[in-house]
Amino acid sequence: MIDTIILDDGLEYVIVKQLTIDDIEYTLFANVNDPEDICFRKTVEKDGEEYFTGLDNEKEVDLILSKFSKYLLENLDELN
């Protein structure tokens, strides 16, 4: 069974990959009904609970895209 989550846009997503970058956990999600619809979220803790939240700025988006792309390219054999 694949774990899914409903994000703040009301759509159902599957967790594709989680990576820790600079001590922050980032998650790549893919829309269950449209795998080309992907998004990234970071995990933040508030009042002892963990939440997924959007990225803060374009610099953070660029960093995360670069790190996830590098990871995926280096691990293509394992993903197939």
PDB file of N, CA and C in Angstrom:
ATOM      1  N   MET A   1       0.835  -1.185   0.000  1.00  0.00           N
ATOM      2  CA  MET A   1       0.000   0.000   0.000  1.00  0.00           C
ATOM      3  C   MET A   1       0.876   1.243   0.000  1.00  0.00           C
ATOM      4  N   ILE A   2       0.528   2.213  -0.826  1.00  0.00           N
ATOM      5  CA  ILE A   2       1.269   3.464  -0.931  1.00  0.00           C
ATOM      6  C   ILE A   2       0.596   4.498  -0.039  1.00  0.00           C
ATOM      7  N   ASP A   3       1.413   5.175   0.763  1.00  0.00           N
ATOM      8  CA  ASP A   3       0.879   6.236   1.613  1.00  0.00           C
ATOM      9  C   ASP A   3       0.612   7.481   0.790  1.00  0.00           C
ATOM     10  N   THR A   4      -0.548   8.065   1.009  1.00  0.00           N
ATOM     11  CA  THR A   4      -0.893   9.308   0.331  1.00  0.00           C
ATOM     12  C   THR A   4      -1.288  10.343   1.371  1.00  0.00           C
ATOM     13  N   ILE A   5      -1.327  11.588   0.921  1.00  0.00           N
ATOM     14  CA  ILE A   5      -1.677  12.698   1.799  1.00  0.00           C
ATOM     15  C   ILE A   5      -2.458  13.722   0.983  1.00  0.00           C
ATOM     16  N   ILE A   6      -3.396  14.367   1.631  1.00  0.00           N
ATOM     17  CA  ILE A   6      -4.121  15.484   1.011  1.00  0.00           C
ATOM     18  C   ILE A   6      -3.403  16.758   1.447  1.00  0.00           C
ATOM     19  N   LEU A   7      -2.861  17.496   0.478  1.00  0.00           N
ATOM     20  CA  LEU A   7      -2.165  18.742   0.806  1.00  0.00           C
ATOM     21  C   LEU A   7      -3.142  19.910   0.826  1.00  0.00           C
ATOM     22  N   ASP A   8      -2.618  21.084   1.125  1.00  0.00           N
ATOM     23  CA  ASP A   8      -3.454  22.266   1.307  1.00  0.00           C
ATOM     24  C   ASP A   8      -4.213  22.696   0.055  1.00  0.00           C
ATOM     25  N   ASP A   9      -3.858  22.141  -1.109  1.00  0.00           N
ATOM     26  CA  ASP A   9      -4.604  22.461  -2.327  1.00  0.00           C
ATOM     27  C   ASP A   9      -5.809  21.536  -2.506  1.00  0.00           C
ATOM     28  N   GLY A  10      -5.998  20.592  -1.547  1.00  0.00           N
ATOM     29  CA  GLY A  10      -7.137  19.679  -1.577  1.00  0.00           C
ATOM     30  C   GLY A  10      -6.936  18.463  -2.459  1.00  0.00           C
ATOM     31  N   LEU A  11      -5.758  18.323  -3.059  1.00  0.00           N
ATOM     32  CA  LEU A  11      -5.471  17.191  -3.940  1.00  0.00           C
ATOM     33  C   LEU A  11      -4.684  16.114  -3.204  1.00  0.00           C
ATOM     34  N   GLU A  12      -4.819  14.882  -3.683  1.00  0.00           N
ATOM     35  CA  GLU A  12      -4.140  13.747  -3.059  1.00  0.00           C
ATOM     36  C   GLU A  12      -2.779  13.523  -3.729  1.00  0.00           C
ATOM     37  N   TYR A  13      -1.759  13.400  -2.904  1.00  0.00           N
ATOM     38  CA  TYR A  13      -0.392  13.219  -3.385  1.00  0.00           C
ATOM     39  C   TYR A  13       0.240  11.986  -2.739  1.00  0.00           C
ATOM     40  N   VAL A  14       1.199  11.416  -3.456  1.00  0.00           N
ATOM     41  CA  VAL A  14       2.007  10.328  -2.940  1.00  0.00           C
ATOM     42  C   VAL A  14       3.405  10.888  -2.674  1.00  0.00           C
ATOM     43  N   ILE A  15       4.036  10.404  -1.625  1.00  0.00           N
ATOM     44  CA  ILE A  15       5.411  10.804  -1.324  1.00  0.00           C
ATOM     45  C   ILE A  15       6.336  10.040  -2.257  1.00  0.00           C
ATOM     46  N   VAL A  16       7.099  10.771  -3.075  1.00  0.00           N
ATOM     47  CA  VAL A  16       8.043  10.159  -4.000  1.00  0.00           C
ATOM     48  C   VAL A  16       9.388   9.954  -3.317  1.00  0.00           C
ATOM     49  N   LYS A  17       9.877  10.997  -2.653  1.00  0.00           N
ATOM     50  CA  LYS A  17      11.194  10.924  -2.014  1.00  0.00           C
ATOM     51  C   LYS A  17      11.305  12.009  -0.963  1.00  0.00           C
ATOM     52  N   GLN A  18      12.012  11.677   0.114  1.00  0.00           N
ATOM     53  CA  GLN A  18      12.330  12.661   1.143  1.00  0.00           C
ATOM     54  C   GLN A  18      13.846  12.746   1.257  1.00  0.00           C
ATOM     55  N   LEU A  19      14.364  13.956   1.324  1.00  0.00           N
ATOM     56  CA  LEU A  19      15.795  14.196   1.499  1.00  0.00           C
ATOM     57  C   LEU A  19      15.993  15.233   2.601  1.00  0.00           C
ATOM     58  N   THR A  20      17.043  15.046   3.382  1.00  0.00           N
ATOM     59  CA  THR A  20      17.422  16.045   4.369  1.00  0.00           C
ATOM     60  C   THR A  20      18.528  16.902   3.768  1.00  0.00           C
ATOM     61  N   ILE A  21      18.271  18.194   3.682  1.00  0.00           N
ATOM     62  CA  ILE A  21      19.201  19.147   3.092  1.00  0.00           C
ATOM     63  C   ILE A  21      19.380  20.276   4.091  1.00  0.00           C
ATOM     64  N   ASP A  22      20.631  20.507   4.492  1.00  0.00           N
ATOM     65  CA  ASP A  22      20.935  21.558   5.475  1.00  0.00           C
ATOM     66  C   ASP A  22      20.073  21.408   6.728  1.00  0.00           C
ATOM     67  N   ASP A  23      19.953  20.163   7.211  1.00  0.00           N
ATOM     68  CA  ASP A  23      19.216  19.831   8.436  1.00  0.00           C
ATOM     69  C   ASP A  23      17.707  20.068   8.352  1.00  0.00           C
ATOM     70  N   ILE A  24      17.185  20.197   7.147  1.00  0.00           N
ATOM     71  CA  ILE A  24      15.743  20.350   6.948  1.00  0.00           C
ATOM     72  C   ILE A  24      15.272  19.213   6.054  1.00  0.00           C
ATOM     73  N   GLU A  25      14.164  18.574   6.433  1.00  0.00           N
ATOM     74  CA  GLU A  25      13.632  17.491   5.611  1.00  0.00           C
ATOM     75  C   GLU A  25      12.697  18.062   4.549  1.00  0.00           C
ATOM     76  N   TYR A  26      13.019  17.739   3.288  1.00  0.00           N
ATOM     77  CA  TYR A  26      12.213  18.155   2.148  1.00  0.00           C
ATOM     78  C   TYR A  26      11.572  16.922   1.525  1.00  0.00           C
ATOM     79  N   THR A  27      10.372  17.090   0.999  1.00  0.00           N
ATOM     80  CA  THR A  27       9.635  15.978   0.413  1.00  0.00           C
ATOM     81  C   THR A  27       9.180  16.348  -0.991  1.00  0.00           C
ATOM     82  N   LEU A  28       9.371  15.396  -1.907  1.00  0.00           N
ATOM     83  CA  LEU A  28       8.865  15.516  -3.264  1.00  0.00           C
ATOM     84  C   LEU A  28       7.569  14.724  -3.330  1.00  0.00           C
ATOM     85  N   PHE A  29       6.487  15.394  -3.721  1.00  0.00           N
ATOM     86  CA  PHE A  29       5.170  14.774  -3.853  1.00  0.00           C
ATOM     87  C   PHE A  29       4.764  14.728  -5.316  1.00  0.00           C
ATOM     88  N   ALA A  30       3.992  13.702  -5.687  1.00  0.00           N
ATOM     89  CA  ALA A  30       3.392  13.627  -7.020  1.00  0.00           C
ATOM     90  C   ALA A  30       1.884  13.439  -6.849  1.00  0.00           C
ATOM     91  N   ASN A  31       1.130  14.169  -7.638  1.00  0.00           N
ATOM     92  CA  ASN A  31      -0.324  14.079  -7.620  1.00  0.00           C
ATOM     93  C   ASN A  31      -0.736  12.670  -8.031  1.00  0.00           C
ATOM     94  N   VAL A  32      -1.606  12.036  -7.259  1.00  0.00           N
ATOM     95  CA  VAL A  32      -2.049  10.669  -7.524  1.00  0.00           C
ATOM     96  C   VAL A  32      -2.730  10.570  -8.890  1.00  0.00           C
ATOM     97  N   ASN A  33      -3.493  11.591  -9.267  1.00  0.00           N
ATOM     98  CA  ASN A  33      -4.242  11.560 -10.518  1.00  0.00           C
ATOM     99  C   ASN A  33      -3.490  12.155 -11.701  1.00  0.00           C
ATOM    100  N   ASP A  34      -2.382  12.831 -11.449  1.00  0.00           N
ATOM    101  CA  ASP A  34      -1.593  13.459 -12.508  1.00  0.00           C
ATOM    102  C   ASP A  34      -0.123  13.475 -12.081  1.00  0.00           C
ATOM    103  N   PRO A  35       0.624  12.372 -12.347  1.00  0.00           N
ATOM    104  CA  PRO A  35       2.013  12.260 -11.887  1.00  0.00           C
ATOM    105  C   PRO A  35       2.938  13.367 -12.391  1.00  0.00           C
ATOM    106  N   GLU A  36       2.522  14.107 -13.412  1.00  0.00           N
ATOM    107  CA  GLU A  36       3.341  15.226 -13.880  1.00  0.00           C
ATOM    108  C   GLU A  36       3.179  16.446 -12.984  1.00  0.00           C
ATOM    109  N   ASP A  37       2.163  16.440 -12.137  1.00  0.00           N
ATOM    110  CA  ASP A  37       1.916  17.516 -11.173  1.00  0.00           C
ATOM    111  C   ASP A  37       2.677  17.169  -9.898  1.00  0.00           C
ATOM    112  N   ILE A  38       3.833  17.799  -9.724  1.00  0.00           N
ATOM    113  CA  ILE A  38       4.665  17.527  -8.545  1.00  0.00           C
ATOM    114  C   ILE A  38       4.791  18.794  -7.713  1.00  0.00           C
ATOM    115  N   CYS A  39       5.170  18.611  -6.470  1.00  0.00           N
ATOM    116  CA  CYS A  39       5.444  19.760  -5.616  1.00  0.00           C
ATOM    117  C   CYS A  39       6.430  19.350  -4.532  1.00  0.00           C
ATOM    118  N   PHE A  40       7.074  20.344  -3.984  1.00  0.00           N
ATOM    119  CA  PHE A  40       8.006  20.154  -2.883  1.00  0.00           C
ATOM    120  C   PHE A  40       7.457  20.836  -1.650  1.00  0.00           C
ATOM    121  N   ARG A  41       7.671  20.214  -0.509  1.00  0.00           N
ATOM    122  CA  ARG A  41       7.331  20.806   0.774  1.00  0.00           C
ATOM    123  C   ARG A  41       8.478  20.533   1.741  1.00  0.00           C
ATOM    124  N   LYS A  42       8.590  21.369   2.753  1.00  0.00           N
ATOM    125  CA  LYS A  42       9.562  21.095   3.807  1.00  0.00           C
ATOM    126  C   LYS A  42       8.803  20.797   5.088  1.00  0.00           C
ATOM    127  N   THR A  43       9.439  20.042   5.961  1.00  0.00           N
ATOM    128  CA  THR A  43       8.842  19.679   7.233  1.00  0.00           C
ATOM    129  C   THR A  43       9.280  20.699   8.274  1.00  0.00           C
ATOM    130  N   VAL A  44       8.304  21.274   8.953  1.00  0.00           N
ATOM    131  CA  VAL A  44       8.583  22.200  10.047  1.00  0.00           C
ATOM    132  C   VAL A  44       7.901  21.668  11.300  1.00  0.00           C
ATOM    133  N   GLU A  45       8.459  22.025  12.432  1.00  0.00           N
ATOM    134  CA  GLU A  45       7.867  21.609  13.700  1.00  0.00           C
ATOM    135  C   GLU A  45       7.287  22.834  14.400  1.00  0.00           C
ATOM    136  N   LYS A  46       6.046  22.670  14.877  1.00  0.00           N
ATOM    137  CA  LYS A  46       5.383  23.745  15.607  1.00  0.00           C
ATOM    138  C   LYS A  46       4.588  23.110  16.737  1.00  0.00           C
ATOM    139  N   ASP A  47       4.857  23.558  17.944  1.00  0.00           N
ATOM    140  CA  ASP A  47       4.172  23.038  19.128  1.00  0.00           C
ATOM    141  C   ASP A  47       4.294  21.520  19.239  1.00  0.00           C
ATOM    142  N   GLY A  48       5.477  21.000  18.877  1.00  0.00           N
ATOM    143  CA  GLY A  48       5.731  19.572  18.993  1.00  0.00           C
ATOM    144  C   GLY A  48       5.143  18.723  17.882  1.00  0.00           C
ATOM    145  N   GLU A  49       4.478  19.334  16.918  1.00  0.00           N
ATOM    146  CA  GLU A  49       3.882  18.617  15.786  1.00  0.00           C
ATOM    147  C   GLU A  49       4.645  18.956  14.510  1.00  0.00           C
ATOM    148  N   GLU A  50       4.754  17.977  13.610  1.00  0.00           N
ATOM    149  CA  GLU A  50       5.403  18.214  12.332  1.00  0.00           C
ATOM    150  C   GLU A  50       4.359  18.513  11.259  1.00  0.00           C
ATOM    151  N   TYR A  51       4.694  19.490  10.404  1.00  0.00           N
ATOM    152  CA  TYR A  51       3.806  19.911   9.331  1.00  0.00           C
ATOM    153  C   TYR A  51       4.606  20.066   8.050  1.00  0.00           C
ATOM    154  N   PHE A  52       3.920  19.873   6.908  1.00  0.00           N
ATOM    155  CA  PHE A  52       4.499  20.193   5.608  1.00  0.00           C
ATOM    156  C   PHE A  52       4.131  21.621   5.279  1.00  0.00           C
ATOM    157  N   THR A  53       5.101  22.381   4.778  1.00  0.00           N
ATOM    158  CA  THR A  53       4.859  23.765   4.397  1.00  0.00           C
ATOM    159  C   THR A  53       5.590  24.053   3.085  1.00  0.00           C
ATOM    160  N   GLY A  54       5.152  25.089   2.402  1.00  0.00           N
ATOM    161  CA  GLY A  54       5.777  25.470   1.140  1.00  0.00           C
ATOM    162  C   GLY A  54       7.177  26.020   1.358  1.00  0.00           C
ATOM    163  N   LEU A  55       7.891  26.165   0.262  1.00  0.00           N
ATOM    164  CA  LEU A  55       9.244  26.715   0.324  1.00  0.00           C
ATOM    165  C   LEU A  55       9.156  28.234   0.405  1.00  0.00           C
ATOM    166  N   ASP A  56      10.195  28.841   1.015  1.00  0.00           N
ATOM    167  CA  ASP A  56      10.134  30.259   1.360  1.00  0.00           C
ATOM    168  C   ASP A  56      10.420  31.230   0.218  1.00  0.00           C
ATOM    169  N   ASN A  57      11.328  30.840  -0.682  1.00  0.00           N
ATOM    170  CA  ASN A  57      11.723  31.801  -1.709  1.00  0.00           C
ATOM    171  C   ASN A  57      12.342  31.074  -2.904  1.00  0.00           C
ATOM    172  N   GLU A  58      12.626  31.833  -3.942  1.00  0.00           N
ATOM    173  CA  GLU A  58      13.151  31.263  -5.182  1.00  0.00           C
ATOM    174  C   GLU A  58      14.526  30.611  -4.980  1.00  0.00           C
ATOM    175  N   LYS A  59      15.334  31.182  -4.114  1.00  0.00           N
ATOM    176  CA  LYS A  59      16.657  30.610  -3.839  1.00  0.00           C
ATOM    177  C   LYS A  59      16.516  29.215  -3.232  1.00  0.00           C
ATOM    178  N   GLU A  60      15.578  29.049  -2.308  1.00  0.00           N
ATOM    179  CA  GLU A  60      15.335  27.747  -1.692  1.00  0.00           C
ATOM    180  C   GLU A  60      14.793  26.765  -2.736  1.00  0.00           C
ATOM    181  N   VAL A  61      13.895  27.214  -3.592  1.00  0.00           N
ATOM    182  CA  VAL A  61      13.351  26.359  -4.650  1.00  0.00           C
ATOM    183  C   VAL A  61      14.478  25.879  -5.560  1.00  0.00           C
ATOM    184  N   ASP A  62      15.352  26.790  -5.983  1.00  0.00           N
ATOM    185  CA  ASP A  62      16.467  26.422  -6.852  1.00  0.00           C
ATOM    186  C   ASP A  62      17.385  25.396  -6.189  1.00  0.00           C
ATOM    187  N   LEU A  63      17.676  25.588  -4.898  1.00  0.00           N
ATOM    188  CA  LEU A  63      18.529  24.659  -4.154  1.00  0.00           C
ATOM    189  C   LEU A  63      17.896  23.275  -4.113  1.00  0.00           C
ATOM    190  N   ILE A  64      16.621  23.211  -3.797  1.00  0.00           N
ATOM    191  CA  ILE A  64      15.927  21.932  -3.651  1.00  0.00           C
ATOM    192  C   ILE A  64      15.813  21.226  -5.005  1.00  0.00           C
ATOM    193  N   LEU A  65      15.488  21.971  -6.046  1.00  0.00           N
ATOM    194  CA  LEU A  65      15.435  21.365  -7.389  1.00  0.00           C
ATOM    195  C   LEU A  65      16.791  20.779  -7.773  1.00  0.00           C
ATOM    196  N   SER A  66      17.846  21.492  -7.482  1.00  0.00           N
ATOM    197  CA  SER A  66      19.191  21.020  -7.797  1.00  0.00           C
ATOM    198  C   SER A  66      19.537  19.749  -7.019  1.00  0.00           C
ATOM    199  N   LYS A  67      19.270  19.749  -5.726  1.00  0.00           N
ATOM    200  CA  LYS A  67      19.615  18.591  -4.881  1.00  0.00           C
ATOM    201  C   LYS A  67      18.787  17.359  -5.249  1.00  0.00           C
ATOM    202  N   PHE A  68      17.483  17.529  -5.476  1.00  0.00           N
ATOM    203  CA  PHE A  68      16.646  16.390  -5.842  1.00  0.00           C
ATOM    204  C   PHE A  68      17.026  15.865  -7.222  1.00  0.00           C
ATOM    205  N   SER A  69      17.307  16.766  -8.169  1.00  0.00           N
ATOM    206  CA  SER A  69      17.719  16.333  -9.507  1.00  0.00           C
ATOM    207  C   SER A  69      19.006  15.529  -9.444  1.00  0.00           C
ATOM    208  N   LYS A  70      19.956  16.027  -8.682  1.00  0.00           N
ATOM    209  CA  LYS A  70      21.227  15.318  -8.526  1.00  0.00           C
ATOM    210  C   LYS A  70      20.999  13.942  -7.913  1.00  0.00           C
ATOM    211  N   TYR A  71      20.193  13.873  -6.866  1.00  0.00           N
ATOM    212  CA  TYR A  71      19.909  12.588  -6.222  1.00  0.00           C
ATOM    213  C   TYR A  71      19.262  11.619  -7.211  1.00  0.00           C
ATOM    214  N   LEU A  72      18.239  12.086  -7.911  1.00  0.00           N
ATOM    215  CA  LEU A  72      17.517  11.211  -8.834  1.00  0.00           C
ATOM    216  C   LEU A  72      18.420  10.718  -9.969  1.00  0.00           C
ATOM    217  N   LEU A  73      19.262  11.581 -10.507  1.00  0.00           N
ATOM    218  CA  LEU A  73      20.173  11.168 -11.570  1.00  0.00           C
ATOM    219  C   LEU A  73      21.202  10.157 -11.081  1.00  0.00           C
ATOM    220  N   GLU A  74      21.686  10.332  -9.871  1.00  0.00           N
ATOM    221  CA  GLU A  74      22.681   9.412  -9.312  1.00  0.00           C
ATOM    222  C   GLU A  74      22.082   8.068  -8.913  1.00  0.00           C
ATOM    223  N   ASN A  75      20.767   7.994  -8.777  1.00  0.00           N
ATOM    224  CA  ASN A  75      20.125   6.783  -8.288  1.00  0.00           C
ATOM    225  C   ASN A  75      19.098   6.210  -9.267  1.00  0.00           C
ATOM    226  N   LEU A  76      19.274   6.474 -10.548  1.00  0.00           N
ATOM    227  CA  LEU A  76      18.316   5.981 -11.550  1.00  0.00           C
ATOM    228  C   LEU A  76      18.186   4.468 -11.521  1.00  0.00           C
ATOM    229  N   ASP A  77      19.280   3.756 -11.346  1.00  0.00           N
ATOM    230  CA  ASP A  77      19.238   2.293 -11.330  1.00  0.00           C
ATOM    231  C   ASP A  77      18.372   1.776 -10.199  1.00  0.00           C
ATOM    232  N   GLU A  78      18.442   2.399  -9.037  1.00  0.00           N
ATOM    233  CA  GLU A  78      17.669   1.963  -7.887  1.00  0.00           C
ATOM    234  C   GLU A  78      16.178   2.289  -8.042  1.00  0.00           C
ATOM    235  N   LEU A  79      15.868   3.302  -8.832  1.00  0.00           N
ATOM    236  CA  LEU A  79      14.486   3.733  -8.983  1.00  0.00           C
ATOM    237  C   LEU A  79      13.706   2.867  -9.957  1.00  0.00           C
ATOM    238  N   ASN A  80      14.400   2.183 -10.833  1.00  0.00           N
ATOM    239  CA  ASN A  80      13.721   1.338 -11.831  1.00  0.00           C
ATOM    240  C   ASN A  80      13.420  -0.034 -11.305  1.00  0.00           C
TER     241      ASN A  80
END
